[in-house]
């Protein structure tokens, strides 16, 4: 197999693995309310990156 094909296959494989990982993160993180504060020590990214945002989600008690 040519080297260029191996490189492209490796890059495609990495994109597929990252996509599956992101999908699993989104499915395993519960939905939160848009006004939900982040707990102490939480990541500094916006909540919509990992969580589904829904006004119908139940409020979660947060320790700050």
PDB file of N, CA and C in Angstrom:
ATOM      1  N   UNK A   1       0.850  -1.168   0.000  1.00  0.00           N
ATOM      2  CA  UNK A   1       0.000   0.000   0.000  1.00  0.00           C
ATOM      3  C   UNK A   1       0.907   1.245   0.000  1.00  0.00           C
ATOM      4  N   UNK A   2       0.619   2.221  -0.844  1.00  0.00           N
ATOM      5  CA  UNK A   2       1.445   3.436  -0.884  1.00  0.00           C
ATOM      6  C   UNK A   2       1.376   4.225   0.427  1.00  0.00           C
ATOM      7  N   UNK A   3       2.451   4.963   0.710  1.00  0.00           N
ATOM      8  CA  UNK A   3       2.540   5.725   1.954  1.00  0.00           C
ATOM      9  C   UNK A   3       1.434   6.770   2.051  1.00  0.00           C
ATOM     10  N   UNK A   4       1.116   7.445   0.951  1.00  0.00           N
ATOM     11  CA  UNK A   4       0.057   8.461   0.963  1.00  0.00           C
ATOM     12  C   UNK A   4      -1.289   7.875   1.355  1.00  0.00           C
ATOM     13  N   UNK A   5      -1.576   6.687   0.876  1.00  0.00           N
ATOM     14  CA  UNK A   5      -2.827   6.014   1.205  1.00  0.00           C
ATOM     15  C   UNK A   5      -2.867   5.656   2.686  1.00  0.00           C
ATOM     16  N   UNK A   6      -1.738   5.228   3.236  1.00  0.00           N
ATOM     17  CA  UNK A   6      -1.666   4.905   4.665  1.00  0.00           C
ATOM     18  C   UNK A   6      -1.919   6.144   5.520  1.00  0.00           C
ATOM     19  N   UNK A   7      -1.354   7.269   5.103  1.00  0.00           N
ATOM     20  CA  UNK A   7      -1.526   8.516   5.852  1.00  0.00           C
ATOM     21  C   UNK A   7      -2.998   8.945   5.820  1.00  0.00           C
ATOM     22  N   UNK A   8      -3.603   8.909   4.640  1.00  0.00           N
ATOM     23  CA  UNK A   8      -5.013   9.292   4.511  1.00  0.00           C
ATOM     24  C   UNK A   8      -5.896   8.347   5.326  1.00  0.00           C
ATOM     25  N   UNK A   9      -5.615   7.050   5.269  1.00  0.00           N
ATOM     26  CA  UNK A   9      -6.400   6.084   6.037  1.00  0.00           C
ATOM     27  C   UNK A   9      -6.248   6.333   7.537  1.00  0.00           C
ATOM     28  N   UNK A  10      -5.049   6.669   7.981  1.00  0.00           N
ATOM     29  CA  UNK A  10      -4.818   6.977   9.394  1.00  0.00           C
ATOM     30  C   UNK A  10      -5.573   8.221   9.834  1.00  0.00           C
ATOM     31  N   UNK A  11      -5.563   9.261   8.990  1.00  0.00           N
ATOM     32  CA  UNK A  11      -6.287  10.489   9.315  1.00  0.00           C
ATOM     33  C   UNK A  11      -7.798  10.245   9.351  1.00  0.00           C
ATOM     34  N   UNK A  12      -8.308   9.501   8.409  1.00  0.00           N
ATOM     35  CA  UNK A  12      -9.738   9.177   8.392  1.00  0.00           C
ATOM     36  C   UNK A  12     -10.102   8.364   9.635  1.00  0.00           C
ATOM     37  N   UNK A  13      -9.254   7.423   9.995  1.00  0.00           N
ATOM     38  CA  UNK A  13      -9.487   6.623  11.196  1.00  0.00           C
ATOM     39  C   UNK A  13      -9.516   7.487  12.452  1.00  0.00           C
ATOM     40  N   UNK A  14      -8.600   8.458  12.545  1.00  0.00           N
ATOM     41  CA  UNK A  14      -8.578   9.368  13.699  1.00  0.00           C
ATOM     42  C   UNK A  14      -9.853  10.198  13.773  1.00  0.00           C
ATOM     43  N   UNK A  15     -10.315  10.706  12.636  1.00  0.00           N
ATOM     44  CA  UNK A  15     -11.544  11.499  12.607  1.00  0.00           C
ATOM     45  C   UNK A  15     -12.731  10.642  13.039  1.00  0.00           C
ATOM     46  N   UNK A  16     -12.795   9.401  12.582  1.00  0.00           N
ATOM     47  CA  UNK A  16     -13.889   8.503  12.949  1.00  0.00           C
ATOM     48  C   UNK A  16     -13.858   8.217  14.453  1.00  0.00           C
ATOM     49  N   UNK A  17     -12.700   7.933  15.005  1.00  0.00           N
ATOM     50  CA  UNK A  17     -12.581   7.645  16.440  1.00  0.00           C
ATOM     51  C   UNK A  17     -12.958   8.870  17.264  1.00  0.00           C
ATOM     52  N   UNK A  18     -12.506  10.066  16.864  1.00  0.00           N
ATOM     53  CA  UNK A  18     -12.863  11.284  17.582  1.00  0.00           C
ATOM     54  C   UNK A  18     -14.369  11.548  17.496  1.00  0.00           C
ATOM     55  N   UNK A  19     -14.963  11.307  16.348  1.00  0.00           N
ATOM     56  CA  UNK A  19     -16.406  11.488  16.191  1.00  0.00           C
ATOM     57  C   UNK A  19     -17.196  10.545  17.074  1.00  0.00           C
ATOM     58  N   UNK A  20     -16.767   9.296  17.151  1.00  0.00           N
ATOM     59  CA  UNK A  20     -17.438   8.327  18.016  1.00  0.00           C
ATOM     60  C   UNK A  20     -17.285   8.729  19.481  1.00  0.00           C
ATOM     61  N   UNK A  21     -16.091   9.187  19.862  1.00  0.00           N
ATOM     62  CA  UNK A  21     -15.865   9.631  21.242  1.00  0.00           C
ATOM     63  C   UNK A  21     -16.750  10.819  21.601  1.00  0.00           C
ATOM     64  N   UNK A  22     -16.869  11.783  20.695  1.00  0.00           N
ATOM     65  CA  UNK A  22     -17.717  12.946  20.939  1.00  0.00           C
ATOM     66  C   UNK A  22     -19.190  12.529  21.034  1.00  0.00           C
ATOM     67  N   UNK A  23     -19.601  11.626  20.175  1.00  0.00           N
ATOM     68  CA  UNK A  23     -20.981  11.136  20.232  1.00  0.00           C
ATOM     69  C   UNK A  23     -21.280  10.440  21.545  1.00  0.00           C
ATOM     70  N   UNK A  24     -20.337   9.649  22.043  1.00  0.00           N
ATOM     71  CA  UNK A  24     -20.526   8.970  23.324  1.00  0.00           C
ATOM     72  C   UNK A  24     -20.574   9.974  24.470  1.00  0.00           C
ATOM     73  N   UNK A  25     -19.759  11.031  24.396  1.00  0.00           N
ATOM     74  CA  UNK A  25     -19.778  12.074  25.413  1.00  0.00           C
ATOM     75  C   UNK A  25     -21.133  12.756  25.443  1.00  0.00           C
ATOM     76  N   UNK A  26     -21.671  13.101  24.280  1.00  0.00           N
ATOM     77  CA  UNK A  26     -22.968  13.778  24.211  1.00  0.00           C
ATOM     78  C   UNK A  26     -24.097  12.869  24.719  1.00  0.00           C
ATOM     79  N   UNK A  27     -24.033  11.583  24.401  1.00  0.00           N
ATOM     80  CA  UNK A  27     -25.097  10.674  24.823  1.00  0.00           C
ATOM     81  C   UNK A  27     -25.018  10.352  26.312  1.00  0.00           C
ATOM     82  N   UNK A  28     -23.830  10.373  26.896  1.00  0.00           N
ATOM     83  CA  UNK A  28     -23.691  10.013  28.301  1.00  0.00           C
ATOM     84  C   UNK A  28     -23.884  11.204  29.238  1.00  0.00           C
ATOM     85  N   UNK A  29     -23.809  12.428  28.727  1.00  0.00           N
ATOM     86  CA  UNK A  29     -24.025  13.619  29.555  1.00  0.00           C
ATOM     87  C   UNK A  29     -25.501  13.959  29.544  1.00  0.00           C
ATOM     88  N   UNK A  30     -26.084  14.148  30.718  1.00  0.00           N
ATOM     89  CA  UNK A  30     -27.519  14.417  30.765  1.00  0.00           C
ATOM     90  C   UNK A  30     -27.825  15.843  30.320  1.00  0.00           C
ATOM     91  N   UNK A  31     -29.060  16.056  29.936  1.00  0.00           N
ATOM     92  CA  UNK A  31     -29.511  17.376  29.506  1.00  0.00           C
ATOM     93  C   UNK A  31     -29.564  18.309  30.715  1.00  0.00           C
ATOM     94  N   UNK A  32     -29.222  19.572  30.487  1.00  0.00           N
ATOM     95  CA  UNK A  32     -29.260  20.566  31.558  1.00  0.00           C
ATOM     96  C   UNK A  32     -30.081  21.769  31.105  1.00  0.00           C
ATOM     97  N   UNK A  33     -30.493  22.566  32.078  1.00  0.00           N
ATOM     98  CA  UNK A  33     -31.250  23.779  31.784  1.00  0.00           C
ATOM     99  C   UNK A  33     -30.293  24.857  31.266  1.00  0.00           C
ATOM    100  N   UNK A  34     -30.774  25.793  30.456  1.00  0.00           N
ATOM    101  CA  UNK A  34     -29.903  26.858  29.940  1.00  0.00           C
ATOM    102  C   UNK A  34     -29.328  27.748  31.040  1.00  0.00           C
ATOM    103  N   UNK A  35     -30.036  27.902  32.164  1.00  0.00           N
ATOM    104  CA  UNK A  35     -29.571  28.765  33.247  1.00  0.00           C
ATOM    105  C   UNK A  35     -28.847  27.997  34.354  1.00  0.00           C
ATOM    106  N   UNK A  36     -28.526  26.743  34.111  1.00  0.00           N
ATOM    107  CA  UNK A  36     -27.863  25.888  35.109  1.00  0.00           C
ATOM    108  C   UNK A  36     -26.435  26.378  35.341  1.00  0.00           C
ATOM    109  N   UNK A  37     -26.065  26.711  36.590  1.00  0.00           N
ATOM    110  CA  UNK A  37     -24.673  27.099  36.855  1.00  0.00           C
ATOM    111  C   UNK A  37     -23.769  25.866  36.853  1.00  0.00           C
ATOM    112  N   UNK A  38     -22.524  26.093  36.507  1.00  0.00           N
ATOM    113  CA  UNK A  38     -21.552  24.992  36.493  1.00  0.00           C
ATOM    114  C   UNK A  38     -21.055  24.728  37.911  1.00  0.00           C
ATOM    115  N   UNK A  39     -20.808  23.473  38.269  1.00  0.00           N
ATOM    116  CA  UNK A  39     -20.280  23.173  39.601  1.00  0.00           C
ATOM    117  C   UNK A  39     -18.817  23.589  39.730  1.00  0.00           C
ATOM    118  N   UNK A  40     -18.331  23.637  40.949  1.00  0.00           N
ATOM    119  CA  UNK A  40     -16.938  23.994  41.199  1.00  0.00           C
ATOM    120  C   UNK A  40     -16.019  22.984  40.521  1.00  0.00           C
ATOM    121  N   UNK A  41     -14.986  23.462  39.876  1.00  0.00           N
ATOM    122  CA  UNK A  41     -14.018  22.593  39.222  1.00  0.00           C
ATOM    123  C   UNK A  41     -14.464  22.080  37.865  1.00  0.00           C
ATOM    124  N   UNK A  42     -15.571  22.587  37.350  1.00  0.00           N
ATOM    125  CA  UNK A  42     -16.089  22.139  36.057  1.00  0.00           C
ATOM    126  C   UNK A  42     -15.246  22.735  34.931  1.00  0.00           C
ATOM    127  N   UNK A  43     -15.262  22.112  33.778  1.00  0.00           N
ATOM    128  CA  UNK A  43     -14.525  22.613  32.623  1.00  0.00           C
ATOM    129  C   UNK A  43     -15.002  24.007  32.263  1.00  0.00           C
ATOM    130  N   UNK A  44     -14.141  24.813  31.657  1.00  0.00           N
ATOM    131  CA  UNK A  44     -14.486  26.195  31.342  1.00  0.00           C
ATOM    132  C   UNK A  44     -15.152  26.350  29.971  1.00  0.00           C
ATOM    133  N   UNK A  45     -15.395  25.261  29.253  1.00  0.00           N
ATOM    134  CA  UNK A  45     -16.048  25.346  27.947  1.00  0.00           C
ATOM    135  C   UNK A  45     -17.528  25.656  28.130  1.00  0.00           C
ATOM    136  N   UNK A  46     -18.183  26.067  27.045  1.00  0.00           N
ATOM    137  CA  UNK A  46     -19.624  26.279  27.127  1.00  0.00           C
ATOM    138  C   UNK A  46     -20.308  24.939  27.350  1.00  0.00           C
ATOM    139  N   UNK A  47     -21.425  24.969  28.030  1.00  0.00           N
ATOM    140  CA  UNK A  47     -22.121  23.732  28.407  1.00  0.00           C
ATOM    141  C   UNK A  47     -22.632  22.954  27.193  1.00  0.00           C
ATOM    142  N   UNK A  48     -22.996  23.659  26.125  1.00  0.00           N
ATOM    143  CA  UNK A  48     -23.548  23.019  24.940  1.00  0.00           C
ATOM    144  C   UNK A  48     -22.574  22.116  24.209  1.00  0.00           C
ATOM    145  N   UNK A  49     -21.289  22.198  24.541  1.00  0.00           N
ATOM    146  CA  UNK A  49     -20.306  21.319  23.895  1.00  0.00           C
ATOM    147  C   UNK A  49     -20.516  19.873  24.340  1.00  0.00           C
ATOM    148  N   UNK A  50     -20.786  19.672  25.625  1.00  0.00           N
ATOM    149  CA  UNK A  50     -20.930  18.319  26.167  1.00  0.00           C
ATOM    150  C   UNK A  50     -22.373  17.931  26.480  1.00  0.00           C
ATOM    151  N   UNK A  51     -23.198  18.892  26.843  1.00  0.00           N
ATOM    152  CA  UNK A  51     -24.560  18.616  27.281  1.00  0.00           C
ATOM    153  C   UNK A  51     -25.577  19.079  26.246  1.00  0.00           C
ATOM    154  N   UNK A  52     -26.702  18.399  26.224  1.00  0.00           N
ATOM    155  CA  UNK A  52     -27.855  18.899  25.486  1.00  0.00           C
ATOM    156  C   UNK A  52     -28.506  19.951  26.377  1.00  0.00           C
ATOM    157  N   UNK A  53     -28.925  21.059  25.795  1.00  0.00           N
ATOM    158  CA  UNK A  53     -29.542  22.143  26.548  1.00  0.00           C
ATOM    159  C   UNK A  53     -31.042  22.081  26.314  1.00  0.00           C
ATOM    160  N   UNK A  54     -31.812  22.009  27.400  1.00  0.00           N
ATOM    161  CA  UNK A  54     -33.263  21.897  27.285  1.00  0.00           C
ATOM    162  C   UNK A  54     -33.933  22.633  28.447  1.00  0.00           C
ATOM    163  N   UNK A  55     -34.918  23.458  28.124  1.00  0.00           N
ATOM    164  CA  UNK A  55     -35.663  24.165  29.169  1.00  0.00           C
ATOM    165  C   UNK A  55     -36.508  23.193  29.985  1.00  0.00           C
ATOM    166  N   UNK A  56     -36.788  22.011  29.465  1.00  0.00           N
ATOM    167  CA  UNK A  56     -37.594  21.009  30.162  1.00  0.00           C
ATOM    168  C   UNK A  56     -36.772  20.124  31.102  1.00  0.00           C
ATOM    169  N   UNK A  57     -35.448  20.261  31.093  1.00  0.00           N
ATOM    170  CA  UNK A  57     -34.600  19.417  31.938  1.00  0.00           C
ATOM    171  C   UNK A  57     -34.796  19.796  33.397  1.00  0.00           C
ATOM    172  N   UNK A  58     -34.632  18.823  34.270  1.00  0.00           N
ATOM    173  CA  UNK A  58     -34.780  19.102  35.692  1.00  0.00           C
ATOM    174  C   UNK A  58     -33.560  19.850  36.212  1.00  0.00           C
ATOM    175  N   UNK A  59     -33.784  20.735  37.189  1.00  0.00           N
ATOM    176  CA  UNK A  59     -32.690  21.499  37.774  1.00  0.00           C
ATOM    177  C   UNK A  59     -31.838  20.570  38.627  1.00  0.00           C
ATOM    178  N   UNK A  60     -30.551  20.843  38.657  1.00  0.00           N
ATOM    179  CA  UNK A  60     -29.607  20.009  39.407  1.00  0.00           C
ATOM    180  C   UNK A  60     -29.008  20.856  40.528  1.00  0.00           C
ATOM    181  N   UNK A  61     -28.946  20.292  41.729  1.00  0.00           N
ATOM    182  CA  UNK A  61     -28.320  20.978  42.863  1.00  0.00           C
ATOM    183  C   UNK A  61     -26.821  21.070  42.600  1.00  0.00           C
ATOM    184  N   UNK A  62     -26.282  22.290  42.661  1.00  0.00           N
ATOM    185  CA  UNK A  62     -24.862  22.506  42.348  1.00  0.00           C
ATOM    186  C   UNK A  62     -24.136  23.043  43.566  1.00  0.00           C
ATOM    187  N   UNK A  63     -23.013  22.402  43.890  1.00  0.00           N
ATOM    188  CA  UNK A  63     -22.145  22.870  44.978  1.00  0.00           C
ATOM    189  C   UNK A  63     -21.075  23.743  44.358  1.00  0.00           C
ATOM    190  N   UNK A  64     -21.000  24.983  44.802  1.00  0.00           N
ATOM    191  CA  UNK A  64     -20.027  25.913  44.204  1.00  0.00           C
ATOM    192  C   UNK A  64     -18.901  26.172  45.109  1.00  0.00           C
TER     193      UNK A  64
END
